[in-house]
Amino acid sequence: MTVQAAAEPILRIDHVTKRFGGLVAVDDVTFDVKKGEIFALIGPNGAGKTTLFNGITGIFPPTTGKIVFNGREITGAKPHQVAAFGIARTFQNIRLFEYMSSLDNVRLGQHCRMHAKLWDSLFKTPAEHREEQRVTDRAMELLEFVGIERHTHTYARNLPYGSQRRLEIARALATNPSLLLLDEPAAGFTPQEKVELMGLVHKIVDQGITVFLIEHDMKVVMGVSRRISGAARPARDRGISRDAALGGSAGCRGYQRLLRPRSSAPGRLSQHREWRDRRPDRIERRG
């Protein structure tokens, strides 16, 4: 990958704000995610991180601002449209089809890339047979890719917790995304599972997929991410989330011992801080 390609943004968040009545959950957020990188967003609970993911994927469209993906503005697009554009996600709380097998969960993830029509299914046309076989083969490849092929025909509800997390990643990858959003993928993992997760994330990036993750475990964040931004905690005295902007140093204070930046005055996103990992033992603060 050339330096020029690596620097090209795949996702641009431009002055995005999300309000729920009088509550400002995301306030004037601006940043870019570059193609081919692993970008991490850190911050305390309630800082608006998952709300930002929901805004990107069309669950809760932004109140103001723009979201641009691969040069196309997708602000306000429906979730199924966002998936078709090439953005997939996992959820903080696992959302699988519990009474479907692992294989069927992943097969279902390919729905937005399938072309067979209703009459193809009714009359069992050759094209429909070929597509079903292709979908099944791809699902098997993804189950093997994430390391749970032994659970192919097991109901999702009967899988171990770590395997459920991996299954959700496989289902997201089944949409053939260019950008994968991971919402706290290491939550509840054992130390060994976290190491394996970091390896899986690197494998995903090697497939040409950009990864944007939210995570609280700093060992995971520092182990996989090339760039890190921090989200500030809401201002309780105002009763709204006015400071829930990326990189506000107020939200990063809890991580100072690990990131070791110098503290600065709390700021909004226009003053956000970004850390770039130059080598494992050195973090450079930019902003």
Protein backbone atom coordinates (compact mmCIF):
# COMPACT_ATOMS: atom_id res chain seq x y z
CA MET A 1 0.00 0.00 0.00
CA THR A 2 1.40 3.40 -0.99
CA VAL A 3 1.68 6.32 1.40
CA GLN A 4 -0.85 8.21 -0.71
CA ALA A 5 -3.39 5.36 -0.52
CA ALA A 6 -2.84 4.96 3.21
CA ALA A 7 -3.52 8.66 3.78
CA GLU A 8 -6.79 8.68 1.84
CA PRO A 9 -9.81 8.87 4.16
CA ILE A 10 -12.46 6.19 3.83
CA LEU A 11 -14.74 7.78 6.45
CA ARG A 12 -15.14 11.46 7.25
CA ILE A 13 -17.17 12.73 10.18
CA ASP A 14 -17.82 16.43 9.64
CA HIS A 15 -19.18 18.49 12.57
CA VAL A 16 -21.63 15.77 13.59
CA THR A 17 -24.00 16.47 16.48
CA LYS A 18 -26.71 14.18 17.82
CA ARG A 19 -29.40 15.48 20.16
CA PHE A 20 -32.10 13.54 21.96
CA GLY A 21 -34.43 16.36 22.99
CA GLY A 22 -32.38 18.46 25.40
CA LEU A 23 -29.61 15.86 25.68
CA VAL A 24 -26.59 16.37 23.42
CA ALA A 25 -25.01 12.92 23.14
CA VAL A 26 -22.47 13.80 20.43
CA ASP A 27 -21.27 17.38 20.10
CA ASP A 28 -19.65 18.81 16.95
CA VAL A 29 -17.48 15.79 16.14
CA THR A 30 -14.99 15.97 13.26
CA PHE A 31 -12.36 13.41 12.27
CA ASP A 32 -11.23 11.11 9.45
CA VAL A 33 -10.58 7.38 9.33
CA LYS A 34 -7.98 6.50 6.71
CA LYS A 35 -8.11 3.52 4.38
CA GLY A 36 -6.31 0.42 5.58
CA GLU A 37 -5.76 1.54 9.16
CA ILE A 38 -7.00 0.43 12.58
CA PHE A 39 -8.50 3.48 14.24
CA ALA A 40 -9.56 3.37 17.90
CA LEU A 41 -11.96 5.54 19.83
CA ILE A 42 -11.58 5.45 23.61
CA GLY A 43 -13.44 7.17 26.42
CA PRO A 44 -15.55 6.62 29.53
CA ASN A 45 -19.09 5.26 29.54
CA GLY A 46 -21.60 7.88 28.47
CA ALA A 47 -19.21 9.82 26.24
CA GLY A 48 -21.27 9.15 23.09
CA LYS A 49 -19.08 6.56 21.39
CA THR A 50 -21.79 4.02 20.56
CA THR A 51 -24.18 6.84 19.66
CA LEU A 52 -21.62 7.93 17.06
CA PHE A 53 -21.54 4.37 15.65
CA ASN A 54 -25.35 4.43 15.52
CA GLY A 55 -25.19 7.67 13.60
CA ILE A 56 -22.72 6.28 11.08
CA THR A 57 -24.80 3.15 10.48
CA GLY A 58 -28.14 4.95 10.19
CA ILE A 59 -29.78 3.74 13.40
CA PHE A 60 -29.91 7.26 14.87
CA PRO A 61 -29.18 9.76 12.08
CA PRO A 62 -27.21 12.86 13.14
CA THR A 63 -29.11 16.00 14.06
CA THR A 64 -26.57 18.14 12.24
CA GLY A 65 -23.34 17.54 10.35
CA LYS A 66 -22.26 15.22 7.55
CA ILE A 67 -20.99 11.65 7.29
CA VAL A 68 -19.02 10.88 4.14
CA PHE A 69 -17.99 7.34 3.18
CA ASN A 70 -15.74 6.70 0.17
CA GLY A 71 -16.55 10.15 -1.18
CA ARG A 72 -20.32 9.64 -0.89
CA GLU A 73 -22.40 11.48 1.69
CA ILE A 74 -24.42 8.90 3.63
CA THR A 75 -25.92 11.17 6.28
CA GLY A 76 -29.41 9.90 7.11
CA ALA A 77 -29.09 6.71 5.03
CA LYS A 78 -31.04 3.68 6.28
CA PRO A 79 -29.10 0.82 7.94
CA HIS A 80 -29.65 -1.54 4.98
CA GLN A 81 -28.36 1.15 2.62
CA VAL A 82 -25.28 1.72 4.78
CA ALA A 83 -24.57 -2.03 4.69
CA ALA A 84 -24.91 -2.03 0.90
CA PHE A 85 -22.48 0.89 0.66
CA GLY A 86 -19.85 -1.21 2.47
CA ILE A 87 -20.03 -0.49 6.21
CA ALA A 88 -20.60 -3.35 8.67
CA ARG A 89 -20.65 -3.37 12.46
CA THR A 90 -20.81 -5.49 15.57
CA PHE A 91 -22.70 -4.48 18.70
CA GLN A 92 -21.72 -3.80 22.29
CA ASN A 93 -24.42 -6.26 23.36
CA ILE A 94 -24.27 -9.34 21.14
CA ARG A 95 -27.14 -9.47 18.64
CA LEU A 96 -27.34 -12.85 16.97
CA PHE A 97 -30.24 -14.94 15.74
CA GLU A 98 -30.21 -17.29 18.70
CA TYR A 99 -32.23 -20.14 17.18
CA MET A 100 -30.28 -20.19 13.94
CA SER A 101 -27.06 -22.10 13.44
CA SER A 102 -23.73 -20.35 13.12
CA LEU A 103 -23.75 -21.17 9.42
CA ASP A 104 -27.18 -19.63 8.88
CA ASN A 105 -26.27 -16.50 10.85
CA VAL A 106 -23.36 -15.89 8.49
CA ARG A 107 -25.36 -16.84 5.40
CA LEU A 108 -27.94 -14.26 6.41
CA GLY A 109 -25.22 -11.62 6.57
CA GLN A 110 -24.77 -11.96 2.81
CA HIS A 111 -28.37 -11.01 2.06
CA CYS A 112 -27.44 -7.49 0.89
CA ARG A 113 -25.11 -9.02 -1.74
CA MET A 114 -27.56 -11.59 -3.12
CA HIS A 115 -29.39 -11.14 -6.43
CA ALA A 116 -31.96 -13.95 -6.62
CA LYS A 117 -35.58 -12.83 -6.77
CA LEU A 118 -38.72 -14.31 -5.27
CA TRP A 119 -39.55 -16.31 -8.40
CA ASP A 120 -36.01 -17.75 -8.46
CA SER A 121 -36.66 -19.18 -5.00
CA LEU A 122 -40.15 -20.42 -5.90
CA PHE A 123 -39.07 -22.20 -9.07
CA LYS A 124 -35.61 -23.22 -7.84
CA THR A 125 -33.84 -21.82 -10.87
CA PRO A 126 -30.23 -22.80 -11.65
CA ALA A 127 -29.10 -19.26 -10.84
CA GLU A 128 -30.68 -19.53 -7.40
CA HIS A 129 -28.95 -22.88 -6.76
CA ARG A 130 -25.58 -21.43 -7.76
CA GLU A 131 -26.05 -18.40 -5.54
CA GLU A 132 -27.11 -20.51 -2.55
CA GLN A 133 -24.01 -22.66 -2.98
CA ARG A 134 -21.79 -19.61 -3.28
CA VAL A 135 -23.32 -18.10 -0.12
CA THR A 136 -22.86 -21.34 1.82
CA ASP A 137 -19.24 -21.73 0.69
CA ARG A 138 -18.46 -18.15 1.67
CA ALA A 139 -20.10 -18.62 5.07
CA MET A 140 -17.95 -21.70 5.71
CA GLU A 141 -14.84 -19.73 4.75
CA LEU A 142 -15.71 -16.97 7.21
CA LEU A 143 -16.42 -19.39 10.06
CA GLU A 144 -12.99 -20.89 9.47
CA PHE A 145 -11.46 -17.40 9.18
CA VAL A 146 -12.67 -16.41 12.66
CA GLY A 147 -11.84 -19.82 14.11
CA ILE A 148 -15.25 -21.30 14.96
CA GLU A 149 -15.76 -23.75 12.10
CA ARG A 150 -16.28 -26.55 14.64
CA HIS A 151 -19.52 -24.81 15.65
CA THR A 152 -20.93 -24.64 12.11
CA HIS A 153 -24.25 -26.32 12.92
CA THR A 154 -24.57 -25.20 16.55
CA TYR A 155 -27.34 -22.80 17.53
CA ALA A 156 -25.92 -19.35 18.23
CA ARG A 157 -27.46 -19.34 21.73
CA ASN A 158 -25.48 -22.48 22.63
CA LEU A 159 -22.07 -21.09 21.69
CA PRO A 160 -19.52 -20.02 24.31
CA TYR A 161 -19.43 -16.26 24.83
CA GLY A 162 -16.14 -15.78 22.97
CA SER A 163 -17.41 -17.78 20.01
CA GLN A 164 -20.56 -15.65 19.88
CA ARG A 165 -18.38 -12.56 19.58
CA ARG A 166 -16.45 -14.18 16.75
CA LEU A 167 -19.67 -15.25 15.04
CA GLU A 168 -20.91 -11.66 15.09
CA ILE A 169 -17.65 -10.56 13.44
CA ALA A 170 -18.05 -13.29 10.81
CA ARG A 171 -21.62 -12.16 10.08
CA ALA A 172 -20.42 -8.56 9.67
CA LEU A 173 -17.66 -9.70 7.31
CA ALA A 174 -20.26 -11.60 5.27
CA THR A 175 -21.62 -8.26 4.02
CA ASN A 176 -18.29 -7.79 2.20
CA PRO A 177 -17.52 -4.45 3.89
CA SER A 178 -14.80 -1.91 3.19
CA LEU A 179 -15.12 -0.55 6.73
CA LEU A 180 -15.77 -2.65 9.83
CA LEU A 181 -16.99 -1.00 13.05
CA LEU A 182 -16.27 -3.02 16.19
CA ASP A 183 -18.09 -1.89 19.34
CA GLU A 184 -16.14 -3.16 22.38
CA PRO A 185 -15.16 -6.47 20.74
CA ALA A 186 -13.02 -7.57 23.72
CA ALA A 187 -15.72 -7.05 26.37
CA GLY A 188 -15.88 -10.11 28.62
CA PHE A 189 -12.87 -11.81 27.03
CA THR A 190 -10.16 -13.63 28.96
CA PRO A 191 -6.57 -12.37 28.50
CA GLN A 192 -5.85 -15.19 26.05
CA GLU A 193 -8.99 -14.43 24.06
CA LYS A 194 -7.94 -10.78 23.85
CA VAL A 195 -4.59 -11.77 22.37
CA GLU A 196 -6.38 -13.95 19.83
CA LEU A 197 -8.77 -11.09 19.04
CA MET A 198 -5.86 -8.77 18.27
CA GLY A 199 -4.53 -11.35 15.85
CA LEU A 200 -7.95 -11.62 14.20
CA VAL A 201 -8.20 -7.84 13.79
CA HIS A 202 -4.83 -7.78 12.04
CA LYS A 203 -5.98 -10.62 9.76
CA ILE A 204 -9.07 -8.59 8.86
CA VAL A 205 -6.96 -5.56 7.95
CA ASP A 206 -4.72 -7.81 5.83
CA GLN A 207 -7.86 -8.57 3.79
CA GLY A 208 -8.03 -4.90 2.79
CA ILE A 209 -10.73 -3.94 5.31
CA THR A 210 -10.41 -0.79 7.42
CA VAL A 211 -11.23 -1.25 11.12
CA PHE A 212 -12.72 1.41 13.42
CA LEU A 213 -13.13 0.15 16.96
CA ILE A 214 -14.43 1.28 20.32
CA GLU A 215 -12.68 -0.36 23.25
CA HIS A 216 -12.05 0.18 26.97
CA ASP A 217 -9.20 -2.32 27.34
CA MET A 218 -6.09 -0.27 26.70
CA LYS A 219 -3.88 -3.31 26.13
CA VAL A 220 -6.09 -4.23 23.20
CA VAL A 221 -6.22 -0.65 21.93
CA MET A 222 -2.45 -0.21 22.12
CA GLY A 223 -1.89 -3.66 20.67
CA VAL A 224 -3.79 -3.11 17.43
CA SER A 225 -4.40 0.59 16.75
CA ARG A 226 -2.31 2.94 14.67
CA ARG A 227 -4.27 6.04 15.70
CA ILE A 228 -6.30 6.73 18.82
CA SER A 229 -8.82 9.44 19.65
CA GLY A 230 -10.46 10.01 23.02
CA ALA A 231 -14.05 10.93 23.85
CA ALA A 232 -14.83 13.27 26.73
CA ARG A 233 -17.33 12.51 29.47
CA PRO A 234 -20.56 14.52 29.42
CA ALA A 235 -20.63 17.66 31.54
CA ARG A 236 -22.83 16.68 34.48
CA ASP A 237 -23.29 20.19 35.76
CA ARG A 238 -25.08 21.14 32.54
CA GLY A 239 -27.21 18.04 32.54
CA ILE A 240 -26.33 17.41 28.88
CA SER A 241 -23.51 15.72 26.99
CA ARG A 242 -22.01 18.90 25.63
CA ASP A 243 -18.42 17.71 26.09
CA ALA A 244 -18.98 14.32 24.47
CA ALA A 245 -16.59 15.21 21.67
CA LEU A 246 -13.70 13.13 20.39
CA GLY A 247 -10.38 13.72 22.00
CA GLY A 248 -11.41 16.22 24.66
CA SER A 249 -8.67 15.83 27.24
CA ALA A 250 -11.24 15.60 30.03
CA GLY A 251 -12.28 12.24 28.68
CA CYS A 252 -8.69 11.04 28.33
CA ARG A 253 -7.56 11.75 31.89
CA GLY A 254 -8.48 8.25 32.99
CA TYR A 255 -6.08 6.90 30.38
CA GLN A 256 -3.14 9.22 31.07
CA ARG A 257 -1.06 6.64 32.88
CA LEU A 258 -1.12 4.40 29.85
CA LEU A 259 -1.00 7.02 27.09
CA ARG A 260 1.24 9.41 29.08
CA PRO A 261 0.33 12.65 27.29
CA ARG A 262 0.63 16.01 29.00
CA SER A 263 -2.71 17.26 30.26
CA SER A 264 -4.29 20.25 28.55
CA ALA A 265 -7.43 22.28 29.08
CA PRO A 266 -10.66 20.45 28.20
CA GLY A 267 -11.69 21.25 24.67
CA ARG A 268 -14.26 20.50 22.05
CA LEU A 269 -13.55 18.47 19.00
CA SER A 270 -11.81 21.32 17.21
CA GLN A 271 -9.15 20.96 19.92
CA HIS A 272 -9.15 17.16 20.02
CA ARG A 273 -6.01 15.18 20.70
CA GLU A 274 -4.88 12.28 18.60
CA TRP A 275 -2.17 9.76 19.42
CA ARG A 276 -0.20 8.02 16.70
CA ASP A 277 1.66 4.82 17.53
CA ARG A 278 5.18 5.17 16.18
CA ARG A 279 6.59 2.14 17.96
CA PRO A 280 5.37 -0.04 20.85
CA ASP A 281 7.18 1.92 23.56
CA ARG A 282 6.40 5.42 22.31
CA ILE A 283 3.20 7.35 21.79
CA GLU A 284 3.27 10.72 20.10
CA ARG A 285 0.50 13.19 20.83
CA ARG A 286 -0.80 15.16 17.89
CA GLY A 287 -3.34 17.96 17.91
